[in-house]
Amino acid sequence: MVLPWEQLRLVLALARHGTLAGAGRALGMSPGALEAELKRVERAAGAALFVREEGRLVPTDAGRSAMHTGERLAEEMARVDRVLPPVTPGPPVRLRIEETFAAQWLPTAAADLGRKLEDVTLELVTTRGRSGEIDLEVTGTRAPARGEAPRALGTLSESLYASEAYLLDHGRPSDPDALVGHRLVLLVGPLARTAAGRWLSGAARGGARVALRTDSVPVFVSAVHAGVGLGVLPRGSEELAPELVRLSELPELPPHPVWLAFRGEGRPSARVRRAAQVLEQSLGAALRRWERDR
């Protein structure tokens, strides 16, 4: 059984912490994402690596073998790091990305992202600005290329969500097109012109009660999490917030493509190209995971 370091690192964290939550904190992953990744590792290994005993994950014989291999490899990598000269950091690579998308993606990718980027510092920009001020952008449109063609990352869908607390108090709606008697969190201002904002406004006109209006994405997300009302959130939100329940798909909001576009002037530097490669892998994997259960 030969597993790559990324998978051995996951096995090692699970063996050391004994729980998905503990290992997830160490790896910068949510318990849901970690459990899904463990299943993929076990398929690659061709054997179960852990069994659950009294609420803890206990390595099997195959798991202990993988753990010992991971420990030896970790020691070797630490030894190499100690003898390498320090790296002088260069200028950051600036990535413009929508705030909600970044908040959903980063908790499952942070630890792995930092390791793969090595000496490249990533700076996230969630506000709009001149294109010349950023190097890369996650966008829903395939804009004209600058030096290198945009890279297709996948598709992103939105669904109707509620918190478990809301469902306990108000019940589960039987039909997303008939929400009379249910409460909504509504988007206003520029956000009302988004596809999700328009759908929510239509639901309000159809008889749903508006519990809260906001022009802030973080406030909107927090309100849905807290059970203030129903809301439209990106698919996969339940991966990071176990209190959320995905209620139904919304045919009026079809999946939209997500691109990674180069925005700097001239040919991208080696640092920007390396960051783009890492982001393509990380964001692409997240999008595929969120869309897998359509």
Protein backbone atom coordinates (compact mmCIF):
# COMPACT_ATOMS: atom_id res chain seq x y z
CA MET A 1 0.00 0.00 0.00
CA VAL A 2 1.68 3.19 -1.25
CA LEU A 3 -0.07 6.45 -0.49
CA PRO A 4 1.13 9.98 -1.37
CA TRP A 5 2.20 12.33 1.41
CA GLU A 6 -1.03 14.35 1.26
CA GLN A 7 -3.04 11.24 2.11
CA LEU A 8 -0.53 9.95 4.68
CA ARG A 9 -0.70 13.35 6.37
CA LEU A 10 -4.47 12.96 6.72
CA VAL A 11 -4.11 9.44 8.18
CA LEU A 12 -1.46 10.69 10.60
CA ALA A 13 -3.68 13.52 11.86
CA LEU A 14 -6.66 11.18 12.36
CA ALA A 15 -4.51 8.68 14.24
CA ARG A 16 -3.04 11.38 16.50
CA HIS A 17 -6.31 13.15 17.31
CA GLY A 18 -8.77 10.27 17.16
CA THR A 19 -11.71 12.38 15.98
CA LEU A 20 -12.75 14.08 12.76
CA ALA A 21 -13.15 17.38 14.61
CA GLY A 22 -9.67 17.32 16.15
CA ALA A 23 -7.92 16.21 12.98
CA GLY A 24 -9.95 18.73 10.98
CA ARG A 25 -8.74 21.60 13.16
CA ALA A 26 -5.14 20.47 12.67
CA LEU A 27 -5.53 20.15 8.91
CA GLY A 28 -7.73 23.20 8.36
CA MET A 29 -10.63 21.06 7.11
CA SER A 30 -14.25 20.70 8.16
CA PRO A 31 -15.27 17.30 9.64
CA GLY A 32 -17.53 16.69 6.62
CA ALA A 33 -14.78 17.36 4.10
CA LEU A 34 -12.32 15.28 6.12
CA GLU A 35 -14.69 12.31 6.29
CA ALA A 36 -15.23 12.46 2.53
CA GLU A 37 -11.48 12.61 1.96
CA LEU A 38 -10.90 9.64 4.28
CA LYS A 39 -13.28 7.55 2.18
CA ARG A 40 -11.24 8.42 -0.92
CA VAL A 41 -8.00 7.52 0.85
CA GLU A 42 -9.43 4.17 1.95
CA ARG A 43 -10.54 3.44 -1.61
CA ALA A 44 -7.03 4.25 -2.83
CA ALA A 45 -5.53 2.03 -0.10
CA GLY A 46 -7.97 -0.81 -0.81
CA ALA A 47 -8.62 -1.29 2.91
CA ALA A 48 -10.37 0.28 5.88
CA LEU A 49 -7.85 2.40 7.78
CA PHE A 50 -9.98 3.24 10.85
CA VAL A 51 -12.83 1.78 12.86
CA ARG A 52 -15.02 3.67 15.31
CA GLU A 53 -14.84 2.56 18.94
CA GLU A 54 -16.65 4.50 21.68
CA GLY A 55 -16.80 7.65 19.56
CA ARG A 56 -13.14 7.61 18.55
CA LEU A 57 -11.33 6.62 15.37
CA VAL A 58 -8.97 3.69 15.99
CA PRO A 59 -6.47 2.63 13.29
CA THR A 60 -6.81 -0.82 11.79
CA ASP A 61 -3.68 -2.83 10.93
CA ALA A 62 -3.63 -1.14 7.54
CA GLY A 63 -4.16 2.23 9.24
CA ARG A 64 -1.24 1.65 11.63
CA SER A 65 0.99 0.73 8.69
CA ALA A 66 0.04 3.94 6.89
CA MET A 67 0.50 5.93 10.12
CA HIS A 68 4.04 4.60 10.66
CA THR A 69 4.95 5.39 7.04
CA GLY A 70 3.57 8.90 7.52
CA GLU A 71 5.58 9.41 10.71
CA ARG A 72 8.83 8.42 8.99
CA LEU A 73 8.12 10.68 6.03
CA ALA A 74 7.20 13.60 8.32
CA GLU A 75 10.52 13.21 10.16
CA GLU A 76 12.43 13.22 6.86
CA MET A 77 10.62 16.32 5.64
CA ALA A 78 11.27 18.13 8.91
CA ARG A 79 14.98 17.24 8.65
CA VAL A 80 15.15 18.68 5.13
CA ASP A 81 13.39 21.88 6.24
CA ARG A 82 15.96 22.41 9.01
CA VAL A 83 18.93 22.40 6.61
CA LEU A 84 17.39 24.52 3.85
CA PRO A 85 18.28 28.23 3.82
CA PRO A 86 15.48 30.68 4.68
CA VAL A 87 13.49 31.98 1.75
CA THR A 88 13.10 35.71 1.24
CA PRO A 89 9.42 36.39 0.59
CA GLY A 90 8.48 38.21 -2.60
CA PRO A 91 5.48 40.44 -3.24
CA PRO A 92 2.08 38.86 -2.54
CA VAL A 93 -0.10 37.44 -5.29
CA ARG A 94 -3.41 39.31 -5.08
CA LEU A 95 -6.57 37.28 -5.73
CA ARG A 96 -9.95 38.93 -6.08
CA ILE A 97 -12.72 36.58 -4.94
CA GLU A 98 -16.32 36.92 -3.77
CA GLU A 99 -16.48 37.04 0.03
CA THR A 100 -19.00 34.24 0.58
CA PHE A 101 -17.16 31.89 -1.77
CA ALA A 102 -13.85 32.56 -0.04
CA ALA A 103 -15.38 32.02 3.42
CA GLN A 104 -16.82 28.68 2.30
CA TRP A 105 -13.68 27.42 0.57
CA LEU A 106 -10.89 28.49 2.94
CA PRO A 107 -11.76 26.44 6.07
CA THR A 108 -11.41 23.21 4.09
CA ALA A 109 -8.27 24.26 2.22
CA ALA A 110 -6.23 26.57 4.46
CA ALA A 111 -3.59 24.15 5.75
CA ASP A 112 -3.03 22.40 2.43
CA LEU A 113 -3.08 25.70 0.57
CA GLY A 114 -0.30 27.22 2.67
CA ARG A 115 1.90 24.16 2.22
CA LYS A 116 1.49 24.06 -1.56
CA LEU A 117 2.03 27.78 -2.03
CA GLU A 118 5.35 27.49 -0.12
CA ASP A 119 6.98 30.97 -0.23
CA VAL A 120 4.15 32.61 -2.18
CA THR A 121 1.95 34.88 -0.04
CA LEU A 122 -1.67 35.00 -1.18
CA GLU A 123 -3.61 38.21 -0.56
CA LEU A 124 -7.40 37.96 -0.89
CA VAL A 125 -9.27 41.03 -2.14
CA THR A 126 -13.06 40.98 -1.72
CA THR A 127 -13.76 44.53 -2.89
CA ARG A 128 -13.90 45.79 -6.45
CA GLY A 129 -11.00 47.81 -7.78
CA ARG A 130 -8.89 48.46 -10.84
CA SER A 131 -7.85 45.28 -12.63
CA GLY A 132 -4.23 46.40 -12.55
CA GLU A 133 -4.23 46.17 -8.76
CA ILE A 134 -4.81 42.41 -8.71
CA ASP A 135 -3.11 39.41 -10.30
CA LEU A 136 -5.89 36.80 -10.39
CA GLU A 137 -9.66 36.80 -10.12
CA VAL A 138 -12.29 34.13 -9.49
CA THR A 139 -15.11 35.16 -11.80
CA GLY A 140 -18.31 33.89 -13.36
CA THR A 141 -17.40 35.14 -16.82
CA ARG A 142 -14.68 34.11 -19.21
CA ALA A 143 -13.05 37.48 -19.66
CA PRO A 144 -10.43 38.16 -22.36
CA ALA A 145 -7.09 36.56 -21.53
CA ARG A 146 -4.04 38.58 -20.47
CA GLY A 147 -0.96 36.49 -21.11
CA GLU A 148 -2.65 33.20 -20.27
CA ALA A 149 -6.18 31.95 -20.95
CA PRO A 150 -8.70 31.80 -18.08
CA ARG A 151 -8.90 28.40 -16.40
CA ALA A 152 -12.25 26.66 -15.93
CA LEU A 153 -12.63 25.63 -12.26
CA GLY A 154 -16.10 24.05 -12.36
CA THR A 155 -19.63 25.19 -11.62
CA LEU A 156 -21.29 26.67 -8.55
CA SER A 157 -24.94 26.12 -7.64
CA GLU A 158 -27.22 27.75 -5.09
CA SER A 159 -29.97 26.04 -3.10
CA LEU A 160 -32.62 26.92 -0.53
CA TYR A 161 -31.30 26.47 3.02
CA ALA A 162 -32.63 26.63 6.56
CA SER A 163 -31.12 25.96 9.96
CA GLU A 164 -32.23 23.01 12.05
CA ALA A 165 -33.50 25.51 14.65
CA TYR A 166 -35.71 27.17 12.05
CA LEU A 167 -37.15 23.82 10.90
CA LEU A 168 -37.93 22.84 14.49
CA ASP A 169 -39.90 26.06 14.97
CA HIS A 170 -41.57 26.41 11.57
CA GLY A 171 -41.49 23.02 9.88
CA ARG A 172 -40.02 22.11 6.52
CA PRO A 173 -41.55 23.75 3.44
CA SER A 174 -43.03 21.20 1.09
CA ASP A 175 -42.43 23.28 -2.04
CA PRO A 176 -39.92 26.09 -2.64
CA ASP A 177 -42.52 27.76 -4.85
CA ALA A 178 -45.12 27.88 -2.06
CA LEU A 179 -43.56 29.46 1.02
CA VAL A 180 -46.67 31.07 2.49
CA GLY A 181 -46.28 31.06 6.26
CA HIS A 182 -42.51 30.79 6.12
CA ARG A 183 -39.97 33.50 6.92
CA LEU A 184 -37.28 34.79 4.58
CA VAL A 185 -34.00 36.63 4.92
CA LEU A 186 -34.08 39.10 2.03
CA LEU A 187 -31.22 40.71 0.12
CA VAL A 188 -31.56 44.42 -0.66
CA GLY A 189 -29.48 47.06 -2.43
CA PRO A 190 -27.14 45.84 -5.18
CA LEU A 191 -27.45 42.27 -3.86
CA ALA A 192 -31.16 42.29 -4.72
CA ARG A 193 -30.16 42.27 -8.39
CA THR A 194 -28.28 38.97 -8.10
CA ALA A 195 -30.03 35.75 -9.15
CA ALA A 196 -30.48 34.74 -5.49
CA GLY A 197 -31.75 38.21 -4.60
CA ARG A 198 -34.32 38.15 -7.38
CA TRP A 199 -35.53 34.69 -6.38
CA LEU A 200 -35.96 35.73 -2.75
CA SER A 201 -37.84 38.87 -3.77
CA GLY A 202 -40.17 36.72 -5.87
CA ALA A 203 -40.77 34.38 -2.94
CA ALA A 204 -41.63 37.37 -0.76
CA ARG A 205 -44.17 38.58 -3.33
CA GLY A 206 -45.62 35.05 -3.33
CA GLY A 207 -46.65 35.32 0.30
CA ALA A 208 -43.61 34.46 2.39
CA ARG A 209 -42.98 36.76 5.34
CA VAL A 210 -39.78 38.83 5.32
CA ALA A 211 -38.11 38.42 8.70
CA LEU A 212 -34.96 40.41 7.92
CA ARG A 213 -33.59 42.56 5.11
CA THR A 214 -29.88 43.23 4.66
CA ASP A 215 -27.39 44.52 2.11
CA SER A 216 -24.53 42.64 3.81
CA VAL A 217 -23.51 39.15 2.69
CA PRO A 218 -21.97 38.19 6.09
CA VAL A 219 -25.12 39.36 7.91
CA PHE A 220 -27.31 37.45 5.44
CA VAL A 221 -25.34 34.22 5.94
CA SER A 222 -25.28 34.65 9.74
CA ALA A 223 -29.04 35.23 9.81
CA VAL A 224 -29.77 32.02 7.89
CA HIS A 225 -27.35 30.09 10.11
CA ALA A 226 -29.04 31.49 13.21
CA GLY A 227 -32.52 30.45 12.10
CA VAL A 228 -33.95 33.89 11.39
CA GLY A 229 -35.40 32.65 8.12
CA LEU A 230 -34.88 30.73 4.88
CA GLY A 231 -32.16 31.86 2.51
CA VAL A 232 -30.40 30.99 -0.72
CA LEU A 233 -26.79 29.88 -0.16
CA PRO A 234 -24.08 28.21 -2.26
CA ARG A 235 -24.29 24.42 -2.42
CA GLY A 236 -21.94 22.85 0.09
CA SER A 237 -22.70 25.37 2.85
CA GLU A 238 -23.75 22.51 5.13
CA GLU A 239 -20.21 21.13 4.91
CA LEU A 240 -18.95 24.00 7.06
CA ALA A 241 -22.09 24.65 9.10
CA PRO A 242 -23.65 21.41 10.38
CA GLU A 243 -26.67 23.37 11.63
CA LEU A 244 -27.69 24.06 8.02
CA VAL A 245 -30.07 21.85 6.02
CA ARG A 246 -30.25 21.98 2.23
CA LEU A 247 -33.97 21.94 1.48
CA SER A 248 -34.34 21.91 -2.28
CA GLU A 249 -32.80 22.75 -5.61
CA LEU A 250 -33.96 25.88 -7.41
CA PRO A 251 -34.36 25.27 -11.16
CA GLU A 252 -34.62 29.04 -11.66
CA LEU A 253 -30.99 29.32 -10.49
CA PRO A 254 -28.97 27.03 -12.79
CA PRO A 255 -25.31 26.28 -11.97
CA HIS A 256 -22.97 28.94 -13.27
CA PRO A 257 -19.39 28.44 -14.42
CA VAL A 258 -16.47 29.59 -12.32
CA TRP A 259 -13.24 30.77 -13.96
CA LEU A 260 -9.81 31.73 -12.68
CA ALA A 261 -8.69 34.70 -14.79
CA PHE A 262 -5.35 36.49 -15.03
CA ARG A 263 -5.71 40.22 -14.45
CA GLY A 264 -2.19 41.68 -14.25
CA GLU A 265 -0.60 43.54 -17.13
CA GLY A 266 1.71 41.55 -19.40
CA ARG A 267 2.78 37.96 -18.95
CA PRO A 268 2.10 36.50 -15.46
CA SER A 269 5.17 35.99 -13.29
CA ALA A 270 6.29 32.55 -12.14
CA ARG A 271 4.82 33.31 -8.70
CA VAL A 272 1.44 34.18 -10.18
CA ARG A 273 1.44 31.08 -12.39
CA ARG A 274 2.31 28.89 -9.40
CA ALA A 275 -0.47 30.45 -7.33
CA ALA A 276 -2.88 29.93 -10.25
CA GLN A 277 -1.96 26.25 -10.45
CA VAL A 278 -2.53 25.72 -6.72
CA LEU A 279 -5.80 27.64 -6.78
CA GLU A 280 -7.02 25.71 -9.82
CA GLN A 281 -6.47 22.45 -7.96
CA SER A 282 -7.89 23.61 -4.62
CA LEU A 283 -10.92 25.56 -5.84
CA GLY A 284 -11.65 22.99 -8.52
CA ALA A 285 -11.66 20.18 -5.95
CA ALA A 286 -14.01 22.15 -3.69
CA LEU A 287 -16.45 22.87 -6.52
CA ARG A 288 -16.48 19.23 -7.63
CA ARG A 289 -17.15 18.13 -4.05
CA TRP A 290 -20.03 20.56 -3.59
CA GLU A 291 -21.63 19.61 -6.92
CA ARG A 292 -21.13 15.86 -6.57
CA ASP A 293 -24.50 15.14 -4.95
CA ARG A 294 -26.68 17.03 -7.41
